Amino acid sequence: MRNWKPIYIENSKVPVWLSKFAPIEIGAITLFFLVFSRGTISEETKRHEYIHFQQMLETFLLGFIILYYWDYLKGYIKYNHGRIAYHSIRAEQEAYDNDHDENYLATRPRFSWIKKYKV
């Protein structure tokens, strides 16, 4: 599974539409094996979304969705602010902390984001 890669779709309207319902302006989003980007996708954003793709594979998608929204809800209750709640999500913490590291994807420990990061 580590070598599986998502399909990147650039210049998509999907992030634009979803931004209307999100606490942030979405530049790119992973929806299981598809990554939709507003414009041309940078290597850093590809790594960020690839990390989410691997998180989804680890938790069989449904687990990822449950954990993602649970973390957001906990963050929103704790901080009462959508953007801060978004950045407190464990999946986002791992992706933002490591999207600049070109070697991270090759050495990324499975499931560590669930225990390593806290809301």
PDB file of N, CA and C in Angstrom:
ATOM      1  N   MET A   1       0.814  -1.201   0.000  1.00  0.00           N
ATOM      2  CA  MET A   1       0.000   0.000   0.000  1.00  0.00           C
ATOM      3  C   MET A   1       0.855   1.262   0.000  1.00  0.00           C
ATOM      4  N   ARG A   2       2.050   1.174   0.542  1.00  0.00           N
ATOM      5  CA  ARG A   2       2.920   2.335   0.628  1.00  0.00           C
ATOM      6  C   ARG A   2       3.233   2.910  -0.749  1.00  0.00           C
ATOM      7  N   ASN A   3       3.271   2.070  -1.761  1.00  0.00           N
ATOM      8  CA  ASN A   3       3.608   2.528  -3.110  1.00  0.00           C
ATOM      9  C   ASN A   3       2.386   2.962  -3.919  1.00  0.00           C
ATOM     10  N   TRP A   4       1.208   2.760  -3.391  1.00  0.00           N
ATOM     11  CA  TRP A   4       0.003   3.211  -4.095  1.00  0.00           C
ATOM     12  C   TRP A   4      -0.016   4.724  -4.116  1.00  0.00           C
ATOM     13  N   LYS A   5      -0.438   5.291  -5.218  1.00  0.00           N
ATOM     14  CA  LYS A   5      -0.475   6.744  -5.352  1.00  0.00           C
ATOM     15  C   LYS A   5      -1.868   7.182  -5.786  1.00  0.00           C
ATOM     16  N   PRO A   6      -2.286   8.346  -5.330  1.00  0.00           N
ATOM     17  CA  PRO A   6      -3.582   8.871  -5.777  1.00  0.00           C
ATOM     18  C   PRO A   6      -3.468   9.448  -7.181  1.00  0.00           C
ATOM     19  N   ILE A   7      -4.591   9.751  -7.759  1.00  0.00           N
ATOM     20  CA  ILE A   7      -4.643  10.398  -9.074  1.00  0.00           C
ATOM     21  C   ILE A   7      -4.853  11.887  -8.831  1.00  0.00           C
ATOM     22  N   TYR A   8      -3.992  12.716  -9.410  1.00  0.00           N
ATOM     23  CA  TYR A   8      -4.055  14.163  -9.215  1.00  0.00           C
ATOM     24  C   TYR A   8      -4.820  14.812 -10.365  1.00  0.00           C
ATOM     25  N   ILE A   9      -5.804  15.621 -10.000  1.00  0.00           N
ATOM     26  CA  ILE A   9      -6.620  16.336 -10.984  1.00  0.00           C
ATOM     27  C   ILE A   9      -6.443  17.825 -10.728  1.00  0.00           C
ATOM     28  N   GLU A  10      -5.790  18.490 -11.659  1.00  0.00           N
ATOM     29  CA  GLU A  10      -5.497  19.916 -11.505  1.00  0.00           C
ATOM     30  C   GLU A  10      -6.592  20.776 -12.139  1.00  0.00           C
ATOM     31  N   ASN A  11      -6.623  22.041 -11.727  1.00  0.00           N
ATOM     32  CA  ASN A  11      -7.576  23.028 -12.252  1.00  0.00           C
ATOM     33  C   ASN A  11      -9.024  22.560 -12.114  1.00  0.00           C
ATOM     34  N   SER A  12      -9.343  22.037 -10.944  1.00  0.00           N
ATOM     35  CA  SER A  12     -10.672  21.502 -10.662  1.00  0.00           C
ATOM     36  C   SER A  12     -11.511  22.528  -9.909  1.00  0.00           C
ATOM     37  N   LYS A  13     -12.806  22.464 -10.095  1.00  0.00           N
ATOM     38  CA  LYS A  13     -13.741  23.317  -9.359  1.00  0.00           C
ATOM     39  C   LYS A  13     -14.160  22.684  -8.025  1.00  0.00           C
ATOM     40  N   VAL A  14     -13.834  21.427  -7.800  1.00  0.00           N
ATOM     41  CA  VAL A  14     -14.236  20.733  -6.573  1.00  0.00           C
ATOM     42  C   VAL A  14     -13.762  21.479  -5.323  1.00  0.00           C
ATOM     43  N   PRO A  15     -12.474  21.883  -5.228  1.00  0.00           N
ATOM     44  CA  PRO A  15     -12.061  22.634  -4.033  1.00  0.00           C
ATOM     45  C   PRO A  15     -12.800  23.972  -3.884  1.00  0.00           C
ATOM     46  N   VAL A  16     -13.128  24.588  -4.986  1.00  0.00           N
ATOM     47  CA  VAL A  16     -13.858  25.857  -4.950  1.00  0.00           C
ATOM     48  C   VAL A  16     -15.243  25.635  -4.352  1.00  0.00           C
ATOM     49  N   TRP A  17     -15.944  24.620  -4.827  1.00  0.00           N
ATOM     50  CA  TRP A  17     -17.290  24.325  -4.323  1.00  0.00           C
ATOM     51  C   TRP A  17     -17.260  23.940  -2.852  1.00  0.00           C
ATOM     52  N   LEU A  18     -16.314  23.065  -2.479  1.00  0.00           N
ATOM     53  CA  LEU A  18     -16.250  22.596  -1.095  1.00  0.00           C
ATOM     54  C   LEU A  18     -15.824  23.696  -0.126  1.00  0.00           C
ATOM     55  N   SER A  19     -15.093  24.689  -0.616  1.00  0.00           N
ATOM     56  CA  SER A  19     -14.680  25.807   0.235  1.00  0.00           C
ATOM     57  C   SER A  19     -15.867  26.589   0.772  1.00  0.00           C
ATOM     58  N   LYS A  20     -16.992  26.516   0.081  1.00  0.00           N
ATOM     59  CA  LYS A  20     -18.192  27.224   0.532  1.00  0.00           C
ATOM     60  C   LYS A  20     -18.721  26.657   1.850  1.00  0.00           C
ATOM     61  N   PHE A  21     -18.348  25.400   2.165  1.00  0.00           N
ATOM     62  CA  PHE A  21     -18.828  24.730   3.368  1.00  0.00           C
ATOM     63  C   PHE A  21     -17.738  24.512   4.409  1.00  0.00           C
ATOM     64  N   ALA A  22     -16.510  24.893   4.090  1.00  0.00           N
ATOM     65  CA  ALA A  22     -15.363  24.608   4.957  1.00  0.00           C
ATOM     66  C   ALA A  22     -14.922  25.856   5.726  1.00  0.00           C
ATOM     67  N   PRO A  23     -14.229  25.657   6.838  1.00  0.00           N
ATOM     68  CA  PRO A  23     -13.737  26.801   7.607  1.00  0.00           C
ATOM     69  C   PRO A  23     -12.484  27.444   7.001  1.00  0.00           C
ATOM     70  N   ILE A  24     -11.966  26.840   5.926  1.00  0.00           N
ATOM     71  CA  ILE A  24     -10.784  27.366   5.247  1.00  0.00           C
ATOM     72  C   ILE A  24     -11.060  27.404   3.744  1.00  0.00           C
ATOM     73  N   GLU A  25     -10.216  28.106   3.026  1.00  0.00           N
ATOM     74  CA  GLU A  25     -10.289  28.053   1.565  1.00  0.00           C
ATOM     75  C   GLU A  25      -9.460  26.858   1.116  1.00  0.00           C
ATOM     76  N   ILE A  26     -10.098  25.895   0.513  1.00  0.00           N
ATOM     77  CA  ILE A  26      -9.443  24.648   0.134  1.00  0.00           C
ATOM     78  C   ILE A  26      -8.679  24.846  -1.177  1.00  0.00           C
ATOM     79  N   GLY A  27      -7.387  24.534  -1.132  1.00  0.00           N
ATOM     80  CA  GLY A  27      -6.556  24.597  -2.333  1.00  0.00           C
ATOM     81  C   GLY A  27      -6.513  23.257  -3.033  1.00  0.00           C
ATOM     82  N   ALA A  28      -6.498  22.194  -2.234  1.00  0.00           N
ATOM     83  CA  ALA A  28      -6.499  20.827  -2.761  1.00  0.00           C
ATOM     84  C   ALA A  28      -7.167  19.939  -1.716  1.00  0.00           C
ATOM     85  N   ILE A  29      -7.778  18.871  -2.201  1.00  0.00           N
ATOM     86  CA  ILE A  29      -8.457  17.945  -1.285  1.00  0.00           C
ATOM     87  C   ILE A  29      -8.354  16.525  -1.837  1.00  0.00           C
ATOM     88  N   THR A  30      -8.132  15.585  -0.917  1.00  0.00           N
ATOM     89  CA  THR A  30      -8.082  14.170  -1.274  1.00  0.00           C
ATOM     90  C   THR A  30      -9.427  13.542  -0.980  1.00  0.00           C
ATOM     91  N   LEU A  31     -10.024  12.959  -1.983  1.00  0.00           N
ATOM     92  CA  LEU A  31     -11.265  12.202  -1.823  1.00  0.00           C
ATOM     93  C   LEU A  31     -10.959  10.780  -2.262  1.00  0.00           C
ATOM     94  N   PHE A  32     -10.577   9.992  -1.309  1.00  0.00           N
ATOM     95  CA  PHE A  32     -10.056   8.640  -1.421  1.00  0.00           C
ATOM     96  C   PHE A  32      -8.888   8.555  -2.390  1.00  0.00           C
ATOM     97  N   PHE A  33      -9.044   8.108  -3.615  1.00  0.00           N
ATOM     98  CA  PHE A  33      -7.895   7.952  -4.501  1.00  0.00           C
ATOM     99  C   PHE A  33      -7.748   9.107  -5.494  1.00  0.00           C
ATOM    100  N   LEU A  34      -8.573  10.134  -5.344  1.00  0.00           N
ATOM    101  CA  LEU A  34      -8.503  11.305  -6.219  1.00  0.00           C
ATOM    102  C   LEU A  34      -8.096  12.536  -5.417  1.00  0.00           C
ATOM    103  N   VAL A  35      -7.180  13.324  -5.961  1.00  0.00           N
ATOM    104  CA  VAL A  35      -6.786  14.593  -5.358  1.00  0.00           C
ATOM    105  C   VAL A  35      -7.183  15.688  -6.333  1.00  0.00           C
ATOM    106  N   PHE A  36      -8.049  16.582  -5.874  1.00  0.00           N
ATOM    107  CA  PHE A  36      -8.523  17.695  -6.686  1.00  0.00           C
ATOM    108  C   PHE A  36      -7.793  18.957  -6.246  1.00  0.00           C
ATOM    109  N   SER A  37      -7.269  19.705  -7.204  1.00  0.00           N
ATOM    110  CA  SER A  37      -6.542  20.931  -6.911  1.00  0.00           C
ATOM    111  C   SER A  37      -7.134  22.087  -7.700  1.00  0.00           C
ATOM    112  N   ARG A  38      -7.178  23.274  -7.073  1.00  0.00           N
ATOM    113  CA  ARG A  38      -7.694  24.476  -7.747  1.00  0.00           C
ATOM    114  C   ARG A  38      -6.875  24.832  -8.978  1.00  0.00           C
ATOM    115  N   GLY A  39      -5.581  24.713  -8.854  1.00  0.00           N
ATOM    116  CA  GLY A  39      -4.682  25.086  -9.951  1.00  0.00           C
ATOM    117  C   GLY A  39      -3.660  24.001 -10.159  1.00  0.00           C
ATOM    118  N   THR A  40      -2.481  24.404 -10.581  1.00  0.00           N
ATOM    119  CA  THR A  40      -1.380  23.458 -10.725  1.00  0.00           C
ATOM    120  C   THR A  40      -0.936  23.055  -9.323  1.00  0.00           C
ATOM    121  N   ILE A  41      -0.719  21.783  -9.131  1.00  0.00           N
ATOM    122  CA  ILE A  41      -0.401  21.273  -7.796  1.00  0.00           C
ATOM    123  C   ILE A  41       1.118  21.209  -7.603  1.00  0.00           C
ATOM    124  N   SER A  42       1.592  21.804  -6.521  1.00  0.00           N
ATOM    125  CA  SER A  42       3.030  21.815  -6.222  1.00  0.00           C
ATOM    126  C   SER A  42       3.460  20.467  -5.654  1.00  0.00           C
ATOM    127  N   GLU A  43       4.758  20.225  -5.647  1.00  0.00           N
ATOM    128  CA  GLU A  43       5.284  18.979  -5.077  1.00  0.00           C
ATOM    129  C   GLU A  43       4.971  18.901  -3.581  1.00  0.00           C
ATOM    130  N   GLU A  44       5.039  20.031  -2.887  1.00  0.00           N
ATOM    131  CA  GLU A  44       4.724  20.043  -1.453  1.00  0.00           C
ATOM    132  C   GLU A  44       3.260  19.664  -1.212  1.00  0.00           C
ATOM    133  N   THR A  45       2.368  20.204  -2.022  1.00  0.00           N
ATOM    134  CA  THR A  45       0.947  19.875  -1.882  1.00  0.00           C
ATOM    135  C   THR A  45       0.694  18.421  -2.262  1.00  0.00           C
ATOM    136  N   LYS A  46       1.406  17.925  -3.265  1.00  0.00           N
ATOM    137  CA  LYS A  46       1.277  16.504  -3.620  1.00  0.00           C
ATOM    138  C   LYS A  46       1.660  15.625  -2.434  1.00  0.00           C
ATOM    139  N   ARG A  47       2.769  15.972  -1.756  1.00  0.00           N
ATOM    140  CA  ARG A  47       3.177  15.188  -0.581  1.00  0.00           C
ATOM    141  C   ARG A  47       2.137  15.295   0.525  1.00  0.00           C
ATOM    142  N   HIS A  48       1.605  16.493   0.748  1.00  0.00           N
ATOM    143  CA  HIS A  48       0.587  16.700   1.782  1.00  0.00           C
ATOM    144  C   HIS A  48      -0.632  15.805   1.515  1.00  0.00           C
ATOM    145  N   GLU A  49      -1.116  15.836   0.299  1.00  0.00           N
ATOM    146  CA  GLU A  49      -2.306  15.050  -0.044  1.00  0.00           C
ATOM    147  C   GLU A  49      -1.994  13.553  -0.098  1.00  0.00           C
ATOM    148  N   TYR A  50      -0.775  13.197  -0.481  1.00  0.00           N
ATOM    149  CA  TYR A  50      -0.374  11.789  -0.480  1.00  0.00           C
ATOM    150  C   TYR A  50      -0.365  11.238   0.944  1.00  0.00           C
ATOM    151  N   ILE A  51       0.044  12.064   1.909  1.00  0.00           N
ATOM    152  CA  ILE A  51       0.002  11.652   3.315  1.00  0.00           C
ATOM    153  C   ILE A  51      -1.446  11.355   3.702  1.00  0.00           C
ATOM    154  N   HIS A  52      -2.372  12.226   3.311  1.00  0.00           N
ATOM    155  CA  HIS A  52      -3.790  11.961   3.598  1.00  0.00           C
ATOM    156  C   HIS A  52      -4.261  10.671   2.916  1.00  0.00           C
ATOM    157  N   PHE A  53      -3.820  10.451   1.698  1.00  0.00           N
ATOM    158  CA  PHE A  53      -4.182   9.229   0.976  1.00  0.00           C
ATOM    159  C   PHE A  53      -3.718   8.000   1.757  1.00  0.00           C
ATOM    160  N   GLN A  54      -2.487   8.034   2.271  1.00  0.00           N
ATOM    161  CA  GLN A  54      -1.979   6.911   3.056  1.00  0.00           C
ATOM    162  C   GLN A  54      -2.752   6.753   4.372  1.00  0.00           C
ATOM    163  N   GLN A  55      -3.121   7.870   4.987  1.00  0.00           N
ATOM    164  CA  GLN A  55      -3.931   7.809   6.212  1.00  0.00           C
ATOM    165  C   GLN A  55      -5.269   7.132   5.928  1.00  0.00           C
ATOM    166  N   MET A  56      -5.855   7.447   4.783  1.00  0.00           N
ATOM    167  CA  MET A  56      -7.138   6.836   4.403  1.00  0.00           C
ATOM    168  C   MET A  56      -6.985   5.345   4.183  1.00  0.00           C
ATOM    169  N   LEU A  57      -5.886   4.944   3.543  1.00  0.00           N
ATOM    170  CA  LEU A  57      -5.649   3.516   3.326  1.00  0.00           C
ATOM    171  C   LEU A  57      -5.474   2.790   4.668  1.00  0.00           C
ATOM    172  N   GLU A  58      -4.747   3.395   5.594  1.00  0.00           N
ATOM    173  CA  GLU A  58      -4.499   2.781   6.900  1.00  0.00           C
ATOM    174  C   GLU A  58      -5.781   2.557   7.686  1.00  0.00           C
ATOM    175  N   THR A  59      -6.716   3.463   7.559  1.00  0.00           N
ATOM    176  CA  THR A  59      -7.930   3.414   8.374  1.00  0.00           C
ATOM    177  C   THR A  59      -9.160   3.009   7.560  1.00  0.00           C
ATOM    178  N   PHE A  60      -8.924   2.491   6.366  1.00  0.00           N
ATOM    179  CA  PHE A  60     -10.007   2.002   5.509  1.00  0.00           C
ATOM    180  C   PHE A  60     -11.068   3.058   5.233  1.00  0.00           C
ATOM    181  N   LEU A  61     -10.646   4.269   4.994  1.00  0.00           N
ATOM    182  CA  LEU A  61     -11.468   5.418   4.626  1.00  0.00           C
ATOM    183  C   LEU A  61     -12.490   5.783   5.692  1.00  0.00           C
ATOM    184  N   LEU A  62     -13.333   4.865   6.078  1.00  0.00           N
ATOM    185  CA  LEU A  62     -14.373   5.175   7.065  1.00  0.00           C
ATOM    186  C   LEU A  62     -13.742   5.597   8.395  1.00  0.00           C
ATOM    187  N   GLY A  63     -12.710   4.907   8.810  1.00  0.00           N
ATOM    188  CA  GLY A  63     -12.003   5.277  10.034  1.00  0.00           C
ATOM    189  C   GLY A  63     -11.394   6.660   9.924  1.00  0.00           C
ATOM    190  N   PHE A  64     -10.860   6.983   8.753  1.00  0.00           N
ATOM    191  CA  PHE A  64     -10.287   8.312   8.531  1.00  0.00           C
ATOM    192  C   PHE A  64     -11.362   9.386   8.663  1.00  0.00           C
ATOM    193  N   ILE A  65     -12.489   9.168   8.039  1.00  0.00           N
ATOM    194  CA  ILE A  65     -13.585  10.142   8.091  1.00  0.00           C
ATOM    195  C   ILE A  65     -14.044  10.356   9.532  1.00  0.00           C
ATOM    196  N   ILE A  66     -14.206   9.263  10.271  1.00  0.00           N
ATOM    197  CA  ILE A  66     -14.644   9.357  11.668  1.00  0.00           C
ATOM    198  C   ILE A  66     -13.618  10.121  12.502  1.00  0.00           C
ATOM    199  N   LEU A  67     -12.338   9.740  12.398  1.00  0.00           N
ATOM    200  CA  LEU A  67     -11.288  10.410  13.171  1.00  0.00           C
ATOM    201  C   LEU A  67     -11.163  11.883  12.776  1.00  0.00           C
ATOM    202  N   TYR A  68     -11.248  12.160  11.481  1.00  0.00           N
ATOM    203  CA  TYR A  68     -11.094  13.533  10.977  1.00  0.00           C
ATOM    204  C   TYR A  68     -12.174  14.435  11.564  1.00  0.00           C
ATOM    205  N   TYR A  69     -13.424  14.002  11.476  1.00  0.00           N
ATOM    206  CA  TYR A  69     -14.516  14.829  11.978  1.00  0.00           C
ATOM    207  C   TYR A  69     -14.570  14.847  13.508  1.00  0.00           C
ATOM    208  N   TRP A  70     -14.180  13.766  14.156  1.00  0.00           N
ATOM    209  CA  TRP A  70     -14.100  13.743  15.611  1.00  0.00           C
ATOM    210  C   TRP A  70     -13.063  14.764  16.087  1.00  0.00           C
ATOM    211  N   ASP A  71     -11.889  14.752  15.455  1.00  0.00           N
ATOM    212  CA  ASP A  71     -10.850  15.711  15.826  1.00  0.00           C
ATOM    213  C   ASP A  71     -11.305  17.148  15.574  1.00  0.00           C
ATOM    214  N   TYR A  72     -11.987  17.372  14.460  1.00  0.00           N
ATOM    215  CA  TYR A  72     -12.471  18.724  14.166  1.00  0.00           C
ATOM    216  C   TYR A  72     -13.479  19.165  15.230  1.00  0.00           C
ATOM    217  N   LEU A  73     -14.397  18.281  15.567  1.00  0.00           N
ATOM    218  CA  LEU A  73     -15.404  18.611  16.571  1.00  0.00           C
ATOM    219  C   LEU A  73     -14.754  18.917  17.922  1.00  0.00           C
ATOM    220  N   LYS A  74     -13.801  18.074  18.341  1.00  0.00           N
ATOM    221  CA  LYS A  74     -13.085  18.329  19.591  1.00  0.00           C
ATOM    222  C   LYS A  74     -12.360  19.663  19.545  1.00  0.00           C
ATOM    223  N   GLY A  75     -11.700  19.943  18.429  1.00  0.00           N
ATOM    224  CA  GLY A  75     -10.979  21.206  18.275  1.00  0.00           C
ATOM    225  C   GLY A  75     -11.918  22.393  18.276  1.00  0.00           C
ATOM    226  N   TYR A  76     -13.077  22.232  17.665  1.00  0.00           N
ATOM    227  CA  TYR A  76     -14.023  23.344  17.612  1.00  0.00           C
ATOM    228  C   TYR A  76     -14.594  23.634  19.002  1.00  0.00           C
ATOM    229  N   ILE A  77     -14.892  22.573  19.730  1.00  0.00           N
ATOM    230  CA  ILE A  77     -15.392  22.751  21.101  1.00  0.00           C
ATOM    231  C   ILE A  77     -14.309  23.396  21.971  1.00  0.00           C
ATOM    232  N   LYS A  78     -13.073  22.961  21.804  1.00  0.00           N
ATOM    233  CA  LYS A  78     -11.970  23.468  22.614  1.00  0.00           C
ATOM    234  C   LYS A  78     -11.623  24.919  22.280  1.00  0.00           C
ATOM    235  N   TYR A  79     -11.561  25.253  20.965  1.00  0.00           N
ATOM    236  CA  TYR A  79     -11.077  26.570  20.545  1.00  0.00           C
ATOM    237  C   TYR A  79     -12.175  27.510  20.048  1.00  0.00           C
ATOM    238  N   ASN A  80     -13.356  26.972  19.753  1.00  0.00           N
ATOM    239  CA  ASN A  80     -14.472  27.771  19.247  1.00  0.00           C
ATOM    240  C   ASN A  80     -14.086  28.601  18.014  1.00  0.00           C
ATOM    241  N   HIS A  81     -13.272  27.983  17.156  1.00  0.00           N
ATOM    242  CA  HIS A  81     -12.798  28.675  15.954  1.00  0.00           C
ATOM    243  C   HIS A  81     -12.518  27.627  14.874  1.00  0.00           C
ATOM    244  N   GLY A  82     -13.175  27.772  13.715  1.00  0.00           N
ATOM    245  CA  GLY A  82     -13.079  26.769  12.656  1.00  0.00           C
ATOM    246  C   GLY A  82     -11.682  26.545  12.123  1.00  0.00           C
ATOM    247  N   ARG A  83     -10.934  27.613  11.865  1.00  0.00           N
ATOM    248  CA  ARG A  83      -9.588  27.473  11.303  1.00  0.00           C
ATOM    249  C   ARG A  83      -8.647  26.793  12.293  1.00  0.00           C
ATOM    250  N   ILE A  84      -8.733  27.183  13.559  1.00  0.00           N
ATOM    251  CA  ILE A  84      -7.881  26.564  14.584  1.00  0.00           C
ATOM    252  C   ILE A  84      -8.272  25.096  14.759  1.00  0.00           C
ATOM    253  N   ALA A  85      -9.564  24.804  14.742  1.00  0.00           N
ATOM    254  CA  ALA A  85     -10.029  23.421  14.859  1.00  0.00           C
ATOM    255  C   ALA A  85      -9.496  22.579  13.697  1.00  0.00           C
ATOM    256  N   TYR A  86      -9.515  23.145  12.490  1.00  0.00           N
ATOM    257  CA  TYR A  86      -8.991  22.442  11.306  1.00  0.00           C
ATOM    258  C   TYR A  86      -7.512  22.105  11.506  1.00  0.00           C
ATOM    259  N   HIS A  87      -6.726  23.053  11.961  1.00  0.00           N
ATOM    260  CA  HIS A  87      -5.287  22.816  12.142  1.00  0.00           C
ATOM    261  C   HIS A  87      -4.987  21.916  13.336  1.00  0.00           C
ATOM    262  N   SER A  88      -5.974  21.667  14.200  1.00  0.00           N
ATOM    263  CA  SER A  88      -5.760  20.771  15.331  1.00  0.00           C
ATOM    264  C   SER A  88      -6.054  19.308  14.987  1.00  0.00           C
ATOM    265  N   ILE A  89      -6.583  19.052  13.801  1.00  0.00           N
ATOM    266  CA  ILE A  89      -6.878  17.675  13.369  1.00  0.00           C
ATOM    267  C   ILE A  89      -5.566  16.909  13.223  1.00  0.00           C
ATOM    268  N   ARG A  90      -5.492  15.732  13.826  1.00  0.00           N
ATOM    269  CA  ARG A  90      -4.248  14.952  13.800  1.00  0.00           C
ATOM    270  C   ARG A  90      -3.764  14.649  12.389  1.00  0.00           C
ATOM    271  N   ALA A  91      -4.680  14.334  11.497  1.00  0.00           N
ATOM    272  CA  ALA A  91      -4.303  14.040  10.110  1.00  0.00           C
ATOM    273  C   ALA A  91      -3.661  15.264   9.459  1.00  0.00           C
ATOM    274  N   GLU A  92      -4.195  16.439   9.742  1.00  0.00           N
ATOM    275  CA  GLU A  92      -3.633  17.672   9.185  1.00  0.00           C
ATOM    276  C   GLU A  92      -2.286  18.000   9.822  1.00  0.00           C
ATOM    277  N   GLN A  93      -2.155  17.740  11.112  1.00  0.00           N
ATOM    278  CA  GLN A  93      -0.885  18.010  11.785  1.00  0.00           C
ATOM    279  C   GLN A  93       0.248  17.210  11.137  1.00  0.00           C
ATOM    280  N   GLU A  94       0.001  15.913  10.904  1.00  0.00           N
ATOM    281  CA  GLU A  94       1.048  15.103  10.274  1.00  0.00           C
ATOM    282  C   GLU A  94       1.349  15.619   8.877  1.00  0.00           C
ATOM    283  N   ALA A  95       0.331  15.915   8.102  1.00  0.00           N
ATOM    284  CA  ALA A  95       0.537  16.354   6.721  1.00  0.00           C
ATOM    285  C   ALA A  95       1.289  17.686   6.663  1.00  0.00           C
ATOM    286  N   TYR A  96       0.887  18.654   7.483  1.00  0.00           N
ATOM    287  CA  TYR A  96       1.576  19.955   7.482  1.00  0.00           C
ATOM    288  C   TYR A  96       3.002  19.847   8.030  1.00  0.00           C
ATOM    289  N   ASP A  97       3.201  19.008   9.045  1.00  0.00           N
ATOM    290  CA  ASP A  97       4.547  18.862   9.622  1.00  0.00           C
ATOM    291  C   ASP A  97       5.534  18.226   8.658  1.00  0.00           C
ATOM    292  N   ASN A  98       5.049  17.449   7.699  1.00  0.00           N
ATOM    293  CA  ASN A  98       5.961  16.652   6.876  1.00  0.00           C
ATOM    294  C   ASN A  98       5.856  16.874   5.376  1.00  0.00           C
ATOM    295  N   ASP A  99       4.989  17.766   4.914  1.00  0.00           N
ATOM    296  CA  ASP A  99       4.833  17.933   3.463  1.00  0.00           C
ATOM    297  C   ASP A  99       6.044  18.572   2.792  1.00  0.00           C
ATOM    298  N   HIS A 100       6.936  19.156   3.557  1.00  0.00           N
ATOM    299  CA  HIS A 100       8.149  19.767   3.005  1.00  0.00           C
ATOM    300  C   HIS A 100       9.302  18.758   2.899  1.00  0.00           C
ATOM    301  N   ASP A 101       9.178  17.618   3.582  1.00  0.00           N
ATOM    302  CA  ASP A 101      10.246  16.611   3.651  1.00  0.00           C
ATOM    303  C   ASP A 101      10.122  15.625   2.490  1.00  0.00           C
ATOM    304  N   GLU A 102      11.049  15.716   1.553  1.00  0.00           N
ATOM    305  CA  GLU A 102      11.005  14.859   0.363  1.00  0.00           C
ATOM    306  C   GLU A 102      11.202  13.384   0.679  1.00  0.00           C
ATOM    307  N   ASN A 103      11.803  13.059   1.820  1.00  0.00           N
ATOM    308  CA  ASN A 103      12.069  11.667   2.192  1.00  0.00           C
ATOM    309  C   ASN A 103      11.011  11.071   3.118  1.00  0.00           C
ATOM    310  N   TYR A 104      10.117  11.884   3.619  1.00  0.00           N
ATOM    311  CA  TYR A 104       9.161  11.411   4.621  1.00  0.00           C
ATOM    312  C   TYR A 104       8.283  10.276   4.113  1.00  0.00           C
ATOM    313  N   LEU A 105       7.846  10.363   2.889  1.00  0.00           N
ATOM    314  CA  LEU A 105       6.918   9.351   2.374  1.00  0.00           C
ATOM    315  C   LEU A 105       7.547   7.963   2.316  1.00  0.00           C
ATOM    316  N   ALA A 106       8.853   7.903   2.103  1.00  0.00           N
ATOM    317  CA  ALA A 106       9.536   6.609   2.042  1.00  0.00           C
ATOM    318  C   ALA A 106       9.734   5.990   3.423  1.00  0.00           C
ATOM    319  N   THR A 107       9.770   6.828   4.459  1.00  0.00           N
ATOM    320  CA  THR A 107      10.058   6.326   5.803  1.00  0.00           C
ATOM    321  C   THR A 107       8.895   6.529   6.773  1.00  0.00           C
ATOM    322  N   ARG A 108       7.797   7.004   6.284  1.00  0.00           N
ATOM    323  CA  ARG A 108       6.647   7.350   7.124  1.00  0.00           C
ATOM    324  C   ARG A 108       6.169   6.144   7.925  1.00  0.00           C
ATOM    325  N   PRO A 109       6.134   6.272   9.271  1.00  0.00           N
ATOM    326  CA  PRO A 109       5.634   5.166  10.085  1.00  0.00           C
ATOM    327  C   PRO A 109       4.109   5.053   9.982  1.00  0.00           C
ATOM    328  N   ARG A 110       3.646   3.861   9.800  1.00  0.00           N
ATOM    329  CA  ARG A 110       2.208   3.612   9.705  1.00  0.00           C
ATOM    330  C   ARG A 110       1.509   3.923  11.027  1.00  0.00           C
ATOM    331  N   PHE A 111       0.353   4.552  10.953  1.00  0.00           N
ATOM    332  CA  PHE A 111      -0.536   4.828  12.093  1.00  0.00           C
ATOM    333  C   PHE A 111       0.034   5.751  13.165  1.00  0.00           C
ATOM    334  N   SER A 112       1.255   6.213  13.031  1.00  0.00           N
ATOM    335  CA  SER A 112       1.849   7.000  14.117  1.00  0.00           C
ATOM    336  C   SER A 112       1.104   8.319  14.339  1.00  0.00           C
ATOM    337  N   TRP A 113       0.487   8.856  13.305  1.00  0.00           N
ATOM    338  CA  TRP A 113      -0.230  10.132  13.413  1.00  0.00           C
ATOM    339  C   TRP A 113      -1.372  10.051  14.414  1.00  0.00           C
ATOM    340  N   ILE A 114      -1.932   8.868  14.611  1.00  0.00           N
ATOM    341  CA  ILE A 114      -3.070   8.727  15.518  1.00  0.00           C
ATOM    342  C   ILE A 114      -2.620   8.906  16.965  1.00  0.00           C
ATOM    343  N   LYS A 115      -1.425   8.400  17.303  1.00  0.00           N
ATOM    344  CA  LYS A 115      -0.936   8.500  18.674  1.00  0.00           C
ATOM    345  C   LYS A 115      -0.001   9.683  18.889  1.00  0.00           C
ATOM    346  N   LYS A 116       0.753  10.053  17.870  1.00  0.00           N
ATOM    347  CA  LYS A 116       1.773  11.095  18.022  1.00  0.00           C
ATOM    348  C   LYS A 116       1.159  12.484  18.222  1.00  0.00           C
ATOM    349  N   TYR A 117       0.103  12.778  17.505  1.00  0.00           N
ATOM    350  CA  TYR A 117      -0.486  14.121  17.541  1.00  0.00           C
ATOM    351  C   TYR A 117      -1.719  14.155  18.433  1.00  0.00           C
ATOM    352  N   LYS A 118      -1.948  15.298  19.037  1.00  0.00           N
ATOM    353  CA  LYS A 118      -3.089  15.491  19.931  1.00  0.00           C
ATOM    354  C   LYS A 118      -3.914  16.695  19.463  1.00  0.00           C
ATOM    355  N   VAL A 119      -5.207  16.643  19.677  1.00  0.00           N
ATOM    356  CA  VAL A 119      -6.087  17.762  19.343  1.00  0.00           C
ATOM    357  C   VAL A 119      -5.910  18.835  20.391  1.00  0.00           C
TER     358      VAL A 119
END
